[in-house]
């Protein structure tokens, strides 16, 4: 069992920045690939970013490339999502998720554990 707790969401103007954090406990964090997903009101859950267990590989959705950066600090059992140049269309509940498959995945079905989500709202 893994517990994940997101923080850092809030209200920001278009063009602004936020940094989301996801603190993990339970099963060994350093062995897990970590992903960020988001779900806008009335929409399905959408892949945002992924980072390898070692932090040496990352992958981003086209919609956030060049604006968002995923990182992790295994010593702190924490993964981050730095969100810059935010747009109104980034408004969503953001979730962190963990998998132990050892491969990048953009599918929510391939993630084993999920946080409760944190709301990000970008105003125009």
PDB file of N, CA and C in Angstrom:
ATOM      1  N   UNK A   1       0.830  -1.187   0.000  1.00  0.00           N
ATOM      2  CA  UNK A   1       0.000   0.000   0.000  1.00  0.00           C
ATOM      3  C   UNK A   1       0.873   1.250   0.000  1.00  0.00           C
ATOM      4  N   UNK A   2       0.464   2.241  -0.797  1.00  0.00           N
ATOM      5  CA  UNK A   2       1.153   3.520  -0.887  1.00  0.00           C
ATOM      6  C   UNK A   2       0.135   4.622  -0.658  1.00  0.00           C
ATOM      7  N   UNK A   3       0.519   5.605   0.124  1.00  0.00           N
ATOM      8  CA  UNK A   3      -0.300   6.791   0.312  1.00  0.00           C
ATOM      9  C   UNK A   3       0.378   7.979  -0.351  1.00  0.00           C
ATOM     10  N   UNK A   4      -0.397   8.755  -1.097  1.00  0.00           N
ATOM     11  CA  UNK A   4       0.103   9.916  -1.815  1.00  0.00           C
ATOM     12  C   UNK A   4      -0.753  11.122  -1.451  1.00  0.00           C
ATOM     13  N   UNK A   5      -0.109  12.229  -1.136  1.00  0.00           N
ATOM     14  CA  UNK A   5      -0.818  13.441  -0.744  1.00  0.00           C
ATOM     15  C   UNK A   5      -0.285  14.612  -1.549  1.00  0.00           C
ATOM     16  N   UNK A   6      -1.154  15.207  -2.374  1.00  0.00           N
ATOM     17  CA  UNK A   6      -0.781  16.361  -3.180  1.00  0.00           C
ATOM     18  C   UNK A   6      -0.994  17.650  -2.398  1.00  0.00           C
ATOM     19  N   UNK A   7      -0.216  18.659  -2.760  1.00  0.00           N
ATOM     20  CA  UNK A   7      -0.397  19.994  -2.219  1.00  0.00           C
ATOM     21  C   UNK A   7       0.128  21.007  -3.231  1.00  0.00           C
ATOM     22  N   UNK A   8      -0.206  22.270  -3.024  1.00  0.00           N
ATOM     23  CA  UNK A   8       0.319  23.342  -3.852  1.00  0.00           C
ATOM     24  C   UNK A   8      -0.645  23.915  -4.863  1.00  0.00           C
ATOM     25  N   UNK A   9      -1.832  23.342  -4.974  1.00  0.00           N
ATOM     26  CA  UNK A   9      -2.812  23.884  -5.900  1.00  0.00           C
ATOM     27  C   UNK A   9      -3.366  25.207  -5.413  1.00  0.00           C
ATOM     28  N   UNK A  10      -4.107  25.862  -6.291  1.00  0.00           N
ATOM     29  CA  UNK A  10      -4.700  27.138  -5.941  1.00  0.00           C
ATOM     30  C   UNK A  10      -5.148  27.891  -7.162  1.00  0.00           C
ATOM     31  N   UNK A  11      -5.391  29.173  -6.977  1.00  0.00           N
ATOM     32  CA  UNK A  11      -5.843  30.071  -8.034  1.00  0.00           C
ATOM     33  C   UNK A  11      -4.682  30.925  -8.503  1.00  0.00           C
ATOM     34  N   UNK A  12      -4.493  30.998  -9.812  1.00  0.00           N
ATOM     35  CA  UNK A  12      -3.409  31.779 -10.380  1.00  0.00           C
ATOM     36  C   UNK A  12      -3.878  32.416 -11.685  1.00  0.00           C
ATOM     37  N   UNK A  13      -3.323  33.566 -12.013  1.00  0.00           N
ATOM     38  CA  UNK A  13      -3.649  34.225 -13.272  1.00  0.00           C
ATOM     39  C   UNK A  13      -2.928  33.562 -14.434  1.00  0.00           C
ATOM     40  N   UNK A  14      -3.507  33.666 -15.616  1.00  0.00           N
ATOM     41  CA  UNK A  14      -2.854  33.169 -16.814  1.00  0.00           C
ATOM     42  C   UNK A  14      -1.456  33.760 -16.941  1.00  0.00           C
ATOM     43  N   UNK A  15      -0.497  32.903 -17.292  1.00  0.00           N
ATOM     44  CA  UNK A  15       0.892  33.309 -17.381  1.00  0.00           C
ATOM     45  C   UNK A  15       1.678  33.112 -16.103  1.00  0.00           C
ATOM     46  N   UNK A  16       0.994  32.815 -15.021  1.00  0.00           N
ATOM     47  CA  UNK A  16       1.642  32.613 -13.739  1.00  0.00           C
ATOM     48  C   UNK A  16       2.151  31.201 -13.553  1.00  0.00           C
ATOM     49  N   UNK A  17       2.634  30.922 -12.346  1.00  0.00           N
ATOM     50  CA  UNK A  17       3.263  29.645 -12.039  1.00  0.00           C
ATOM     51  C   UNK A  17       2.756  29.076 -10.729  1.00  0.00           C
ATOM     52  N   UNK A  18       2.779  27.760 -10.637  1.00  0.00           N
ATOM     53  CA  UNK A  18       2.526  27.028  -9.411  1.00  0.00           C
ATOM     54  C   UNK A  18       3.464  25.839  -9.362  1.00  0.00           C
ATOM     55  N   UNK A  19       3.787  25.395  -8.164  1.00  0.00           N
ATOM     56  CA  UNK A  19       4.511  24.147  -7.991  1.00  0.00           C
ATOM     57  C   UNK A  19       3.696  23.204  -7.130  1.00  0.00           C
ATOM     58  N   UNK A  20       3.353  22.063  -7.701  1.00  0.00           N
ATOM     59  CA  UNK A  20       2.642  21.029  -6.978  1.00  0.00           C
ATOM     60  C   UNK A  20       3.642  20.055  -6.359  1.00  0.00           C
ATOM     61  N   UNK A  21       3.298  19.552  -5.188  1.00  0.00           N
ATOM     62  CA  UNK A  21       4.107  18.552  -4.515  1.00  0.00           C
ATOM     63  C   UNK A  21       3.257  17.328  -4.224  1.00  0.00           C
ATOM     64  N   UNK A  22       3.889  16.180  -4.203  1.00  0.00           N
ATOM     65  CA  UNK A  22       3.220  14.928  -3.866  1.00  0.00           C
ATOM     66  C   UNK A  22       4.124  14.160  -2.916  1.00  0.00           C
ATOM     67  N   UNK A  23       3.693  14.033  -1.683  1.00  0.00           N
ATOM     68  CA  UNK A  23       4.449  13.326  -0.663  1.00  0.00           C
ATOM     69  C   UNK A  23       3.961  11.886  -0.566  1.00  0.00           C
ATOM     70  N   UNK A  24       4.896  10.951  -0.576  1.00  0.00           N
ATOM     71  CA  UNK A  24       4.574   9.531  -0.583  1.00  0.00           C
ATOM     72  C   UNK A  24       5.001   8.859   0.712  1.00  0.00           C
ATOM     73  N   UNK A  25       4.234   7.852   1.103  1.00  0.00           N
ATOM     74  CA  UNK A  25       4.598   7.005   2.228  1.00  0.00           C
ATOM     75  C   UNK A  25       4.128   5.587   1.949  1.00  0.00           C
ATOM     76  N   UNK A  26       4.685   4.633   2.672  1.00  0.00           N
ATOM     77  CA  UNK A  26       4.324   3.239   2.489  1.00  0.00           C
ATOM     78  C   UNK A  26       5.362   2.484   1.682  1.00  0.00           C
ATOM     79  N   UNK A  27       4.923   1.863   0.606  1.00  0.00           N
ATOM     80  CA  UNK A  27       5.812   1.093  -0.252  1.00  0.00           C
ATOM     81  C   UNK A  27       6.955   1.946  -0.759  1.00  0.00           C
ATOM     82  N   UNK A  28       8.101   1.325  -0.966  1.00  0.00           N
ATOM     83  CA  UNK A  28       9.325   2.042  -1.315  1.00  0.00           C
ATOM     84  C   UNK A  28       9.113   2.993  -2.474  1.00  0.00           C
ATOM     85  N   UNK A  29       9.250   4.288  -2.191  1.00  0.00           N
ATOM     86  CA  UNK A  29       8.990   5.318  -3.183  1.00  0.00           C
ATOM     87  C   UNK A  29      10.027   5.311  -4.291  1.00  0.00           C
ATOM     88  N   UNK A  30      11.273   5.065  -3.942  1.00  0.00           N
ATOM     89  CA  UNK A  30      12.351   5.191  -4.912  1.00  0.00           C
ATOM     90  C   UNK A  30      12.274   4.158  -6.029  1.00  0.00           C
ATOM     91  N   UNK A  31      11.477   3.122  -5.873  1.00  0.00           N
ATOM     92  CA  UNK A  31      11.334   2.100  -6.906  1.00  0.00           C
ATOM     93  C   UNK A  31      10.168   2.360  -7.848  1.00  0.00           C
ATOM     94  N   UNK A  32       9.427   3.427  -7.630  1.00  0.00           N
ATOM     95  CA  UNK A  32       8.207   3.691  -8.380  1.00  0.00           C
ATOM     96  C   UNK A  32       8.413   4.751  -9.452  1.00  0.00           C
ATOM     97  N   UNK A  33       7.884   4.476 -10.644  1.00  0.00           N
ATOM     98  CA  UNK A  33       7.688   5.547 -11.595  1.00  0.00           C
ATOM     99  C   UNK A  33       6.504   6.387 -11.141  1.00  0.00           C
ATOM    100  N   UNK A  34       6.595   7.684 -11.340  1.00  0.00           N
ATOM    101  CA  UNK A  34       5.563   8.593 -10.859  1.00  0.00           C
ATOM    102  C   UNK A  34       4.984   9.393 -12.016  1.00  0.00           C
ATOM    103  N   UNK A  35       3.685   9.567 -11.994  1.00  0.00           N
ATOM    104  CA  UNK A  35       3.002  10.348 -13.008  1.00  0.00           C
ATOM    105  C   UNK A  35       2.127  11.419 -12.396  1.00  0.00           C
ATOM    106  N   UNK A  36       1.897  12.456 -13.177  1.00  0.00           N
ATOM    107  CA  UNK A  36       0.887  13.458 -12.877  1.00  0.00           C
ATOM    108  C   UNK A  36      -0.207  13.375 -13.936  1.00  0.00           C
ATOM    109  N   UNK A  37      -1.446  13.409 -13.483  1.00  0.00           N
ATOM    110  CA  UNK A  37      -2.619  13.433 -14.343  1.00  0.00           C
ATOM    111  C   UNK A  37      -3.506  14.599 -13.932  1.00  0.00           C
ATOM    112  N   UNK A  38      -4.421  14.962 -14.806  1.00  0.00           N
ATOM    113  CA  UNK A  38      -5.376  16.003 -14.451  1.00  0.00           C
ATOM    114  C   UNK A  38      -6.746  15.661 -15.015  1.00  0.00           C
ATOM    115  N   UNK A  39      -7.753  16.197 -14.373  1.00  0.00           N
ATOM    116  CA  UNK A  39      -9.125  15.961 -14.792  1.00  0.00           C
ATOM    117  C   UNK A  39      -9.908  17.258 -14.663  1.00  0.00           C
ATOM    118  N   UNK A  40     -10.286  17.817 -15.796  1.00  0.00           N
ATOM    119  CA  UNK A  40     -11.117  19.006 -15.819  1.00  0.00           C
ATOM    120  C   UNK A  40     -12.572  18.617 -15.603  1.00  0.00           C
ATOM    121  N   UNK A  41     -13.363  19.577 -15.164  1.00  0.00           N
ATOM    122  CA  UNK A  41     -14.776  19.322 -14.906  1.00  0.00           C
ATOM    123  C   UNK A  41     -15.456  18.781 -16.154  1.00  0.00           C
ATOM    124  N   UNK A  42     -16.125  17.656 -16.008  1.00  0.00           N
ATOM    125  CA  UNK A  42     -16.839  17.054 -17.115  1.00  0.00           C
ATOM    126  C   UNK A  42     -15.972  16.326 -18.116  1.00  0.00           C
ATOM    127  N   UNK A  43     -14.674  16.194 -17.836  1.00  0.00           N
ATOM    128  CA  UNK A  43     -13.745  15.549 -18.754  1.00  0.00           C
ATOM    129  C   UNK A  43     -13.150  14.293 -18.130  1.00  0.00           C
ATOM    130  N   UNK A  44     -12.505  13.488 -18.957  1.00  0.00           N
ATOM    131  CA  UNK A  44     -11.802  12.324 -18.481  1.00  0.00           C
ATOM    132  C   UNK A  44     -10.439  12.671 -17.910  1.00  0.00           C
ATOM    133  N   UNK A  45      -9.836  11.697 -17.263  1.00  0.00           N
ATOM    134  CA  UNK A  45      -8.517  11.903 -16.682  1.00  0.00           C
ATOM    135  C   UNK A  45      -7.455  11.898 -17.779  1.00  0.00           C
ATOM    136  N   UNK A  46      -6.582  12.906 -17.761  1.00  0.00           N
ATOM    137  CA  UNK A  46      -5.629  13.164 -18.829  1.00  0.00           C
ATOM    138  C   UNK A  46      -4.201  13.081 -18.304  1.00  0.00           C
ATOM    139  N   UNK A  47      -3.346  12.399 -19.044  1.00  0.00           N
ATOM    140  CA  UNK A  47      -1.938  12.319 -18.692  1.00  0.00           C
ATOM    141  C   UNK A  47      -1.261  13.675 -18.826  1.00  0.00           C
ATOM    142  N   UNK A  48      -0.362  13.981 -17.888  1.00  0.00           N
ATOM    143  CA  UNK A  48       0.386  15.232 -17.910  1.00  0.00           C
ATOM    144  C   UNK A  48       1.891  14.982 -18.011  1.00  0.00           C
ATOM    145  N   UNK A  49       2.447  14.195 -17.100  1.00  0.00           N
ATOM    146  CA  UNK A  49       3.898  14.003 -17.054  1.00  0.00           C
ATOM    147  C   UNK A  49       4.241  12.733 -16.301  1.00  0.00           C
ATOM    148  N   UNK A  50       5.425  12.203 -16.592  1.00  0.00           N
ATOM    149  CA  UNK A  50       5.930  10.983 -15.954  1.00  0.00           C
ATOM    150  C   UNK A  50       7.410  11.141 -15.684  1.00  0.00           C
ATOM    151  N   UNK A  51       7.893  10.503 -14.619  1.00  0.00           N
ATOM    152  CA  UNK A  51       9.309  10.501 -14.305  1.00  0.00           C
ATOM    153  C   UNK A  51       9.716   9.105 -13.847  1.00  0.00           C
ATOM    154  N   UNK A  52      10.876   8.650 -14.333  1.00  0.00           N
ATOM    155  CA  UNK A  52      11.408   7.346 -13.980  1.00  0.00           C
ATOM    156  C   UNK A  52      11.812   7.313 -12.506  1.00  0.00           C
ATOM    157  N   UNK A  53      11.895   6.115 -11.953  1.00  0.00           N
ATOM    158  CA  UNK A  53      12.247   5.960 -10.541  1.00  0.00           C
ATOM    159  C   UNK A  53      13.548   6.670 -10.179  1.00  0.00           C
ATOM    160  N   UNK A  54      14.506   6.669 -11.111  1.00  0.00           N
ATOM    161  CA  UNK A  54      15.810   7.269 -10.867  1.00  0.00           C
ATOM    162  C   UNK A  54      15.816   8.775 -11.095  1.00  0.00           C
ATOM    163  N   UNK A  55      14.772   9.297 -11.721  1.00  0.00           N
ATOM    164  CA  UNK A  55      14.728  10.699 -12.082  1.00  0.00           C
ATOM    165  C   UNK A  55      15.483  11.045 -13.344  1.00  0.00           C
ATOM    166  N   UNK A  56      16.021  10.052 -14.032  1.00  0.00           N
ATOM    167  CA  UNK A  56      16.863  10.298 -15.194  1.00  0.00           C
ATOM    168  C   UNK A  56      16.089  10.367 -16.502  1.00  0.00           C
ATOM    169  N   UNK A  57      14.817  10.020 -16.488  1.00  0.00           N
ATOM    170  CA  UNK A  57      13.993  10.083 -17.693  1.00  0.00           C
ATOM    171  C   UNK A  57      12.656  10.718 -17.361  1.00  0.00           C
ATOM    172  N   UNK A  58      12.168  11.532 -18.280  1.00  0.00           N
ATOM    173  CA  UNK A  58      10.861  12.157 -18.129  1.00  0.00           C
ATOM    174  C   UNK A  58      10.104  12.100 -19.447  1.00  0.00           C
ATOM    175  N   UNK A  59       8.796  12.279 -19.354  1.00  0.00           N
ATOM    176  CA  UNK A  59       7.952  12.293 -20.532  1.00  0.00           C
ATOM    177  C   UNK A  59       6.774  13.203 -20.258  1.00  0.00           C
ATOM    178  N   UNK A  60       6.394  14.014 -21.262  1.00  0.00           N
ATOM    179  CA  UNK A  60       5.348  15.003 -21.092  1.00  0.00           C
ATOM    180  C   UNK A  60       4.298  14.908 -22.176  1.00  0.00           C
ATOM    181  N   UNK A  61       3.076  15.242 -21.806  1.00  0.00           N
ATOM    182  CA  UNK A  61       2.039  15.432 -22.807  1.00  0.00           C
ATOM    183  C   UNK A  61       2.388  16.631 -23.679  1.00  0.00           C
ATOM    184  N   UNK A  62       2.001  16.575 -24.948  1.00  0.00           N
ATOM    185  CA  UNK A  62       2.296  17.676 -25.859  1.00  0.00           C
ATOM    186  C   UNK A  62       1.734  19.004 -25.359  1.00  0.00           C
ATOM    187  N   UNK A  63       0.620  18.957 -24.678  1.00  0.00           N
ATOM    188  CA  UNK A  63      -0.044  20.165 -24.236  1.00  0.00           C
ATOM    189  C   UNK A  63       0.735  20.937 -23.174  1.00  0.00           C
ATOM    190  N   UNK A  64       1.695  20.279 -22.509  1.00  0.00           N
ATOM    191  CA  UNK A  64       2.433  20.939 -21.435  1.00  0.00           C
ATOM    192  C   UNK A  64       3.928  21.013 -21.682  1.00  0.00           C
ATOM    193  N   UNK A  65       4.422  20.437 -22.757  1.00  0.00           N
ATOM    194  CA  UNK A  65       5.854  20.472 -23.053  1.00  0.00           C
ATOM    195  C   UNK A  65       6.358  21.908 -23.129  1.00  0.00           C
ATOM    196  N   UNK A  66       7.488  22.144 -22.496  1.00  0.00           N
ATOM    197  CA  UNK A  66       8.075  23.470 -22.482  1.00  0.00           C
ATOM    198  C   UNK A  66       7.535  24.369 -21.401  1.00  0.00           C
ATOM    199  N   UNK A  67       6.457  23.959 -20.732  1.00  0.00           N
ATOM    200  CA  UNK A  67       5.853  24.773 -19.685  1.00  0.00           C
ATOM    201  C   UNK A  67       5.914  24.102 -18.313  1.00  0.00           C
ATOM    202  N   UNK A  68       5.763  22.783 -18.291  1.00  0.00           N
ATOM    203  CA  UNK A  68       5.754  22.032 -17.032  1.00  0.00           C
ATOM    204  C   UNK A  68       7.040  21.224 -16.899  1.00  0.00           C
ATOM    205  N   UNK A  69       7.486  21.048 -15.668  1.00  0.00           N
ATOM    206  CA  UNK A  69       8.653  20.233 -15.384  1.00  0.00           C
ATOM    207  C   UNK A  69       8.361  19.313 -14.208  1.00  0.00           C
ATOM    208  N   UNK A  70       8.541  18.017 -14.410  1.00  0.00           N
ATOM    209  CA  UNK A  70       8.387  17.047 -13.337  1.00  0.00           C
ATOM    210  C   UNK A  70       9.763  16.723 -12.771  1.00  0.00           C
ATOM    211  N   UNK A  71       9.844  16.570 -11.465  1.00  0.00           N
ATOM    212  CA  UNK A  71      11.092  16.214 -10.809  1.00  0.00           C
ATOM    213  C   UNK A  71      10.771  15.417  -9.558  1.00  0.00           C
ATOM    214  N   UNK A  72      11.790  14.819  -8.969  1.00  0.00           N
ATOM    215  CA  UNK A  72      11.570  14.067  -7.742  1.00  0.00           C
ATOM    216  C   UNK A  72      12.783  14.156  -6.841  1.00  0.00           C
ATOM    217  N   UNK A  73      12.534  14.005  -5.564  1.00  0.00           N
ATOM    218  CA  UNK A  73      13.574  13.955  -4.551  1.00  0.00           C
ATOM    219  C   UNK A  73      13.315  12.694  -3.747  1.00  0.00           C
ATOM    220  N   UNK A  74      14.018  11.631  -4.078  1.00  0.00           N
ATOM    221  CA  UNK A  74      13.757  10.349  -3.434  1.00  0.00           C
ATOM    222  C   UNK A  74      14.102  10.366  -1.950  1.00  0.00           C
ATOM    223  N   UNK A  75      15.071  11.176  -1.568  1.00  0.00           N
ATOM    224  CA  UNK A  75      15.420  11.285  -0.160  1.00  0.00           C
ATOM    225  C   UNK A  75      14.271  11.857   0.657  1.00  0.00           C
ATOM    226  N   UNK A  76      13.425  12.663   0.023  1.00  0.00           N
ATOM    227  CA  UNK A  76      12.272  13.253   0.689  1.00  0.00           C
ATOM    228  C   UNK A  76      10.961  12.552   0.344  1.00  0.00           C
ATOM    229  N   UNK A  77      11.033  11.496  -0.458  1.00  0.00           N
ATOM    230  CA  UNK A  77       9.834  10.769  -0.891  1.00  0.00           C
ATOM    231  C   UNK A  77       8.802  11.711  -1.510  1.00  0.00           C
ATOM    232  N   UNK A  78       9.265  12.595  -2.365  1.00  0.00           N
ATOM    233  CA  UNK A  78       8.408  13.633  -2.921  1.00  0.00           C
ATOM    234  C   UNK A  78       8.640  13.797  -4.415  1.00  0.00           C
ATOM    235  N   UNK A  79       7.556  13.980  -5.149  1.00  0.00           N
ATOM    236  CA  UNK A  79       7.618  14.321  -6.562  1.00  0.00           C
ATOM    237  C   UNK A  79       6.974  15.693  -6.744  1.00  0.00           C
ATOM    238  N   UNK A  80       7.480  16.457  -7.709  1.00  0.00           N
ATOM    239  CA  UNK A  80       7.033  17.817  -7.928  1.00  0.00           C
ATOM    240  C   UNK A  80       6.561  18.009  -9.364  1.00  0.00           C
ATOM    241  N   UNK A  81       5.689  18.971  -9.541  1.00  0.00           N
ATOM    242  CA  UNK A  81       5.319  19.428 -10.875  1.00  0.00           C
ATOM    243  C   UNK A  81       5.390  20.948 -10.880  1.00  0.00           C
ATOM    244  N   UNK A  82       6.420  21.484 -11.530  1.00  0.00           N
ATOM    245  CA  UNK A  82       6.555  22.919 -11.696  1.00  0.00           C
ATOM    246  C   UNK A  82       5.763  23.323 -12.924  1.00  0.00           C
ATOM    247  N   UNK A  83       4.816  24.224 -12.751  1.00  0.00           N
ATOM    248  CA  UNK A  83       3.896  24.617 -13.797  1.00  0.00           C
ATOM    249  C   UNK A  83       4.104  26.101 -14.093  1.00  0.00           C
ATOM    250  N   UNK A  84       4.627  26.404 -15.269  1.00  0.00           N
ATOM    251  CA  UNK A  84       4.876  27.773 -15.690  1.00  0.00           C
ATOM    252  C   UNK A  84       3.994  28.127 -16.879  1.00  0.00           C
ATOM    253  N   UNK A  85       3.877  29.415 -17.138  1.00  0.00           N
ATOM    254  CA  UNK A  85       3.086  29.909 -18.275  1.00  0.00           C
ATOM    255  C   UNK A  85       1.709  29.274 -18.310  1.00  0.00           C
ATOM    256  N   UNK A  86       1.050  29.278 -17.184  1.00  0.00           N
ATOM    257  CA  UNK A  86      -0.233  28.595 -17.063  1.00  0.00           C
ATOM    258  C   UNK A  86      -1.302  29.251 -17.929  1.00  0.00           C
ATOM    259  N   UNK A  87      -2.175  28.406 -18.448  1.00  0.00           N
ATOM    260  CA  UNK A  87      -3.273  28.823 -19.311  1.00  0.00           C
ATOM    261  C   UNK A  87      -4.598  28.428 -18.680  1.00  0.00           C
ATOM    262  N   UNK A  88      -5.679  29.120 -19.022  1.00  0.00           N
ATOM    263  CA  UNK A  88      -6.981  28.721 -18.481  1.00  0.00           C
ATOM    264  C   UNK A  88      -7.322  27.259 -18.742  1.00  0.00           C
ATOM    265  N   UNK A  89      -6.890  26.718 -19.862  1.00  0.00           N
ATOM    266  CA  UNK A  89      -7.172  25.327 -20.175  1.00  0.00           C
ATOM    267  C   UNK A  89      -6.410  24.337 -19.306  1.00  0.00           C
ATOM    268  N   UNK A  90      -5.480  24.831 -18.482  1.00  0.00           N
ATOM    269  CA  UNK A  90      -4.810  23.979 -17.507  1.00  0.00           C
ATOM    270  C   UNK A  90      -5.653  23.765 -16.253  1.00  0.00           C
ATOM    271  N   UNK A  91      -6.759  24.469 -16.138  1.00  0.00           N
ATOM    272  CA  UNK A  91      -7.626  24.335 -14.973  1.00  0.00           C
ATOM    273  C   UNK A  91      -8.137  22.906 -14.852  1.00  0.00           C
ATOM    274  N   UNK A  92      -7.895  22.292 -13.707  1.00  0.00           N
ATOM    275  CA  UNK A  92      -8.284  20.902 -13.487  1.00  0.00           C
ATOM    276  C   UNK A  92      -7.921  20.507 -12.065  1.00  0.00           C
ATOM    277  N   UNK A  93      -8.403  19.349 -11.656  1.00  0.00           N
ATOM    278  CA  UNK A  93      -7.883  18.696 -10.469  1.00  0.00           C
ATOM    279  C   UNK A  93      -6.668  17.882 -10.898  1.00  0.00           C
ATOM    280  N   UNK A  94      -5.553  18.082 -10.225  1.00  0.00           N
ATOM    281  CA  UNK A  94      -4.309  17.396 -10.553  1.00  0.00           C
ATOM    282  C   UNK A  94      -4.052  16.279  -9.556  1.00  0.00           C
ATOM    283  N   UNK A  95      -3.717  15.115 -10.083  1.00  0.00           N
ATOM    284  CA  UNK A  95      -3.468  13.927  -9.283  1.00  0.00           C
ATOM    285  C   UNK A  95      -2.048  13.415  -9.515  1.00  0.00           C
ATOM    286  N   UNK A  96      -1.385  12.997  -8.465  1.00  0.00           N
ATOM    287  CA  UNK A  96      -0.160  12.233  -8.640  1.00  0.00           C
ATOM    288  C   UNK A  96      -0.480  10.753  -8.498  1.00  0.00           C
ATOM    289  N   UNK A  97       0.336   9.936  -9.134  1.00  0.00           N
ATOM    290  CA  UNK A  97       0.100   8.505  -9.154  1.00  0.00           C
ATOM    291  C   UNK A  97       1.421   7.759  -9.227  1.00  0.00           C
ATOM    292  N   UNK A  98       1.439   6.544  -8.701  1.00  0.00           N
ATOM    293  CA  UNK A  98       2.636   5.717  -8.662  1.00  0.00           C
ATOM    294  C   UNK A  98       2.390   4.392  -9.357  1.00  0.00           C
ATOM    295  N   UNK A  99       3.409   3.927 -10.062  1.00  0.00           N
ATOM    296  CA  UNK A  99       3.357   2.572 -10.594  1.00  0.00           C
ATOM    297  C   UNK A  99       4.681   1.871 -10.351  1.00  0.00           C
ATOM    298  N   UNK A 100       4.624   0.549 -10.375  1.00  0.00           N
ATOM    299  CA  UNK A 100       5.817  -0.262 -10.137  1.00  0.00           C
ATOM    300  C   UNK A 100       6.108  -1.163 -11.324  1.00  0.00           C
ATOM    301  N   UNK A 101       5.713  -0.715 -12.509  1.00  0.00           N
ATOM    302  CA  UNK A 101       5.904  -1.495 -13.731  1.00  0.00           C
ATOM    303  C   UNK A 101       7.236  -1.250 -14.401  1.00  0.00           C
ATOM    304  N   UNK A 102       7.891  -0.174 -14.058  1.00  0.00           N
ATOM    305  CA  UNK A 102       9.209   0.113 -14.592  1.00  0.00           C
ATOM    306  C   UNK A 102       9.228   0.708 -15.983  1.00  0.00           C
ATOM    307  N   UNK A 103       8.056   1.083 -16.498  1.00  0.00           N
ATOM    308  CA  UNK A 103       7.953   1.634 -17.841  1.00  0.00           C
ATOM    309  C   UNK A 103       7.072   2.872 -17.825  1.00  0.00           C
ATOM    310  N   UNK A 104       7.378   3.801 -18.724  1.00  0.00           N
ATOM    311  CA  UNK A 104       6.536   4.973 -18.866  1.00  0.00           C
ATOM    312  C   UNK A 104       5.150   4.548 -19.351  1.00  0.00           C
ATOM    313  N   UNK A 105       4.124   5.218 -18.836  1.00  0.00           N
ATOM    314  CA  UNK A 105       2.774   4.958 -19.284  1.00  0.00           C
ATOM    315  C   UNK A 105       1.960   6.236 -19.207  1.00  0.00           C
ATOM    316  N   UNK A 106       1.148   6.466 -20.222  1.00  0.00           N
ATOM    317  CA  UNK A 106       0.219   7.587 -20.225  1.00  0.00           C
ATOM    318  C   UNK A 106      -1.188   7.163 -19.845  1.00  0.00           C
ATOM    319  N   UNK A 107      -1.385   5.902 -19.529  1.00  0.00           N
ATOM    320  CA  UNK A 107      -2.699   5.372 -19.216  1.00  0.00           C
ATOM    321  C   UNK A 107      -2.917   5.326 -17.712  1.00  0.00           C
ATOM    322  N   UNK A 108      -4.004   5.931 -17.223  1.00  0.00           N
ATOM    323  CA  UNK A 108      -4.291   5.841 -15.788  1.00  0.00           C
ATOM    324  C   UNK A 108      -4.411   4.411 -15.284  1.00  0.00           C
ATOM    325  N   UNK A 109      -4.828   3.491 -16.152  1.00  0.00           N
ATOM    326  CA  UNK A 109      -5.029   2.108 -15.743  1.00  0.00           C
ATOM    327  C   UNK A 109      -3.736   1.430 -15.320  1.00  0.00           C
ATOM    328  N   UNK A 110      -2.595   1.953 -15.732  1.00  0.00           N
ATOM    329  CA  UNK A 110      -1.312   1.339 -15.416  1.00  0.00           C
ATOM    330  C   UNK A 110      -0.663   1.908 -14.158  1.00  0.00           C
ATOM    331  N   UNK A 111      -1.372   2.733 -13.436  1.00  0.00           N
ATOM    332  CA  UNK A 111      -0.886   3.277 -12.177  1.00  0.00           C
ATOM    333  C   UNK A 111      -1.617   2.629 -11.012  1.00  0.00           C
ATOM    334  N   UNK A 112      -0.858   2.296  -9.999  1.00  0.00           N
ATOM    335  CA  UNK A 112      -1.368   1.474  -8.913  1.00  0.00           C
ATOM    336  C   UNK A 112      -1.964   2.266  -7.760  1.00  0.00           C
ATOM    337  N   UNK A 113      -1.449   3.457  -7.519  1.00  0.00           N
ATOM    338  CA  UNK A 113      -1.851   4.248  -6.364  1.00  0.00           C
ATOM    339  C   UNK A 113      -2.030   5.696  -6.768  1.00  0.00           C
ATOM    340  N   UNK A 114      -2.985   6.352  -6.130  1.00  0.00           N
ATOM    341  CA  UNK A 114      -3.365   7.711  -6.475  1.00  0.00           C
ATOM    342  C   UNK A 114      -3.520   8.578  -5.241  1.00  0.00           C
ATOM    343  N   UNK A 115      -3.170   9.852  -5.396  1.00  0.00           N
ATOM    344  CA  UNK A 115      -3.473  10.826  -4.377  1.00  0.00           C
ATOM    345  C   UNK A 115      -4.903  11.302  -4.482  1.00  0.00           C
ATOM    346  N   UNK A 116      -5.290  12.195  -3.583  1.00  0.00           N
ATOM    347  CA  UNK A 116      -6.665  12.675  -3.517  1.00  0.00           C
ATOM    348  C   UNK A 116      -6.952  13.802  -4.497  1.00  0.00           C
ATOM    349  N   UNK A 117      -5.916  14.392  -5.064  1.00  0.00           N
ATOM    350  CA  UNK A 117      -6.058  15.474  -6.015  1.00  0.00           C
ATOM    351  C   UNK A 117      -5.957  16.839  -5.373  1.00  0.00           C
ATOM    352  N   UNK A 118      -5.496  17.806  -6.155  1.00  0.00           N
ATOM    353  CA  UNK A 118      -5.447  19.193  -5.727  1.00  0.00           C
ATOM    354  C   UNK A 118      -5.924  20.079  -6.872  1.00  0.00           C
ATOM    355  N   UNK A 119      -6.772  21.040  -6.552  1.00  0.00           N
ATOM    356  CA  UNK A 119      -7.394  21.876  -7.571  1.00  0.00           C
ATOM    357  C   UNK A 119      -6.439  22.968  -8.030  1.00  0.00           C
ATOM    358  N   UNK A 120      -6.313  23.107  -9.346  1.00  0.00           N
ATOM    359  CA  UNK A 120      -5.590  24.211  -9.962  1.00  0.00           C
ATOM    360  C   UNK A 120      -6.582  24.979 -10.825  1.00  0.00           C
ATOM    361  N   UNK A 121      -6.711  26.268 -10.566  1.00  0.00           N
ATOM    362  CA  UNK A 121      -7.606  27.119 -11.337  1.00  0.00           C
ATOM    363  C   UNK A 121      -6.812  28.281 -11.911  1.00  0.00           C
ATOM    364  N   UNK A 122      -6.873  28.446 -13.226  1.00  0.00           N
ATOM    365  CA  UNK A 122      -6.146  29.502 -13.920  1.00  0.00           C
ATOM    366  C   UNK A 122      -7.156  30.473 -14.494  1.00  0.00           C
ATOM    367  N   UNK A 123      -7.095  31.704 -14.071  1.00  0.00           N
ATOM    368  CA  UNK A 123      -8.019  32.727 -14.530  1.00  0.00           C
ATOM    369  C   UNK A 123      -7.420  33.497 -15.692  1.00  0.00           C
ATOM    370  N   UNK A 124      -8.292  34.049 -16.532  1.00  0.00           N
ATOM    371  CA  UNK A 124      -7.850  34.834 -17.678  1.00  0.00           C
ATOM    372  C   UNK A 124      -7.776  36.308 -17.363  1.00  0.00           C
TER     373      UNK A 124
END
